[in-house]
Amino acid sequence: MEYNERIERIEEIIGEINSGNVDPVEIMKKIEEAKKLLKECEKQLKQLTIDN
């Protein structure tokens, strides 16, 4: 998954949670998914700064 795709998915997760149509158990799963994606984005950004 590319950086922009990760960011888009994170935005989708935020929208789903904000919609109020998500079971509380699912909210925790979605937050964990978003956290994982954020860590992947962070790792990719750090690699870009090292490469430059």
N, C-alpha and C. Protein backbone atom coordinates (compact mmCIF):
# COMPACT_ATOMS: atom_id res chain seq x y z
N MET A 1 0.86 -1.17 0.00
CA MET A 1 0.00 0.00 0.00
C MET A 1 0.90 1.24 0.00
N GLU A 2 0.59 2.18 -0.86
CA GLU A 2 1.36 3.40 -0.95
C GLU A 2 0.98 4.38 0.16
N TYR A 3 1.84 5.36 0.36
CA TYR A 3 1.63 6.37 1.41
C TYR A 3 0.26 7.03 1.29
N ASN A 4 -0.07 7.50 0.08
CA ASN A 4 -1.34 8.20 -0.12
C ASN A 4 -2.54 7.29 0.14
N GLU A 5 -2.41 6.02 -0.20
CA GLU A 5 -3.49 5.06 0.06
C GLU A 5 -3.68 4.87 1.57
N ARG A 6 -2.57 4.85 2.29
CA ARG A 6 -2.66 4.72 3.76
C ARG A 6 -3.38 5.93 4.36
N ILE A 7 -2.99 7.11 3.90
CA ILE A 7 -3.62 8.34 4.40
C ILE A 7 -5.11 8.35 4.07
N GLU A 8 -5.47 7.95 2.86
CA GLU A 8 -6.88 7.90 2.48
C GLU A 8 -7.65 6.92 3.38
N ARG A 9 -7.04 5.77 3.67
CA ARG A 9 -7.70 4.78 4.53
C ARG A 9 -7.87 5.34 5.94
N ILE A 10 -6.87 6.04 6.44
CA ILE A 10 -6.97 6.66 7.77
C ILE A 10 -8.12 7.66 7.77
N GLU A 11 -8.24 8.45 6.72
CA GLU A 11 -9.34 9.42 6.62
C GLU A 11 -10.70 8.70 6.58
N GLU A 12 -10.76 7.57 5.87
CA GLU A 12 -11.99 6.78 5.83
C GLU A 12 -12.35 6.28 7.22
N ILE A 13 -11.37 5.79 7.94
CA ILE A 13 -11.61 5.29 9.30
C ILE A 13 -12.15 6.40 10.19
N ILE A 14 -11.53 7.56 10.11
CA ILE A 14 -12.00 8.70 10.91
C ILE A 14 -13.44 9.04 10.55
N GLY A 15 -13.75 9.05 9.26
CA GLY A 15 -15.12 9.33 8.82
C GLY A 15 -16.11 8.30 9.33
N GLU A 16 -15.72 7.02 9.28
CA GLU A 16 -16.60 5.96 9.77
C GLU A 16 -16.88 6.13 11.26
N ILE A 17 -15.83 6.41 12.02
CA ILE A 17 -16.00 6.59 13.47
C ILE A 17 -16.86 7.81 13.75
N ASN A 18 -16.60 8.90 13.04
CA ASN A 18 -17.36 10.13 13.26
C ASN A 18 -18.82 10.01 12.83
N SER A 19 -19.11 9.05 11.96
CA SER A 19 -20.49 8.89 11.49
C SER A 19 -21.41 8.40 12.62
N GLY A 20 -20.83 7.75 13.60
CA GLY A 20 -21.63 7.22 14.71
C GLY A 20 -22.31 5.90 14.38
N ASN A 21 -22.04 5.37 13.20
CA ASN A 21 -22.68 4.13 12.77
C ASN A 21 -21.77 2.91 12.96
N VAL A 22 -20.85 3.00 13.91
CA VAL A 22 -19.89 1.93 14.13
C VAL A 22 -20.06 1.37 15.54
N ASP A 23 -20.14 0.06 15.61
CA ASP A 23 -20.21 -0.63 16.89
C ASP A 23 -18.96 -0.28 17.71
N PRO A 24 -19.11 -0.02 19.01
CA PRO A 24 -17.95 0.33 19.85
C PRO A 24 -16.79 -0.67 19.76
N VAL A 25 -17.09 -1.95 19.62
CA VAL A 25 -16.03 -2.94 19.48
C VAL A 25 -15.28 -2.71 18.18
N GLU A 26 -16.00 -2.37 17.13
CA GLU A 26 -15.39 -2.10 15.84
C GLU A 26 -14.55 -0.82 15.87
N ILE A 27 -14.97 0.14 16.69
CA ILE A 27 -14.20 1.38 16.81
C ILE A 27 -12.78 1.07 17.26
N MET A 28 -12.63 0.21 18.24
CA MET A 28 -11.30 -0.14 18.73
C MET A 28 -10.48 -0.82 17.64
N LYS A 29 -11.10 -1.69 16.87
CA LYS A 29 -10.40 -2.35 15.77
C LYS A 29 -9.96 -1.33 14.72
N LYS A 30 -10.84 -0.39 14.43
CA LYS A 30 -10.53 0.63 13.43
C LYS A 30 -9.40 1.54 13.92
N ILE A 31 -9.42 1.87 15.19
CA ILE A 31 -8.35 2.70 15.76
C ILE A 31 -7.02 1.97 15.67
N GLU A 32 -7.02 0.69 15.97
CA GLU A 32 -5.79 -0.10 15.87
C GLU A 32 -5.29 -0.14 14.42
N GLU A 33 -6.21 -0.29 13.48
CA GLU A 33 -5.82 -0.29 12.06
C GLU A 33 -5.21 1.06 11.69
N ALA A 34 -5.84 2.15 12.13
CA ALA A 34 -5.34 3.48 11.82
C ALA A 34 -3.97 3.71 12.45
N LYS A 35 -3.78 3.25 13.67
CA LYS A 35 -2.48 3.40 14.33
C LYS A 35 -1.40 2.65 13.56
N LYS A 36 -1.72 1.46 13.08
CA LYS A 36 -0.77 0.66 12.31
C LYS A 36 -0.40 1.41 11.02
N LEU A 37 -1.40 1.94 10.35
CA LEU A 37 -1.15 2.69 9.12
C LEU A 37 -0.30 3.93 9.38
N LEU A 38 -0.57 4.62 10.49
CA LEU A 38 0.21 5.81 10.83
C LEU A 38 1.67 5.45 11.08
N LYS A 39 1.90 4.34 11.76
CA LYS A 39 3.27 3.89 12.01
C LYS A 39 3.99 3.57 10.70
N GLU A 40 3.26 2.96 9.77
CA GLU A 40 3.85 2.66 8.46
C GLU A 40 4.19 3.95 7.72
N CYS A 41 3.32 4.95 7.80
CA CYS A 41 3.58 6.23 7.16
C CYS A 41 4.80 6.90 7.80
N GLU A 42 4.86 6.86 9.11
CA GLU A 42 5.99 7.45 9.82
C GLU A 42 7.30 6.79 9.39
N LYS A 43 7.30 5.48 9.31
CA LYS A 43 8.49 4.74 8.90
C LYS A 43 8.92 5.15 7.49
N GLN A 44 7.95 5.26 6.60
CA GLN A 44 8.24 5.65 5.23
C GLN A 44 8.79 7.06 5.16
N LEU A 45 8.22 7.99 5.93
CA LEU A 45 8.72 9.37 5.93
C LEU A 45 10.13 9.45 6.49
N LYS A 46 10.39 8.68 7.53
CA LYS A 46 11.76 8.68 8.10
C LYS A 46 12.75 8.16 7.08
N GLN A 47 12.35 7.14 6.34
CA GLN A 47 13.24 6.59 5.31
C GLN A 47 13.52 7.62 4.23
N LEU A 48 12.53 8.42 3.88
CA LEU A 48 12.73 9.46 2.87
C LEU A 48 13.76 10.50 3.35
N THR A 49 13.69 10.85 4.62
CA THR A 49 14.63 11.85 5.13
C THR A 49 16.04 11.28 5.21
N ILE A 50 16.16 9.99 5.46
CA ILE A 50 17.47 9.35 5.51
C ILE A 50 18.06 9.28 4.10
N ASP A 51 17.23 8.97 3.13
CA ASP A 51 17.69 8.82 1.75
C ASP A 51 18.11 10.16 1.13
N ASN A 52 17.55 11.24 1.64
CA ASN A 52 17.89 12.57 1.07
C ASN A 52 19.00 13.13 1.81
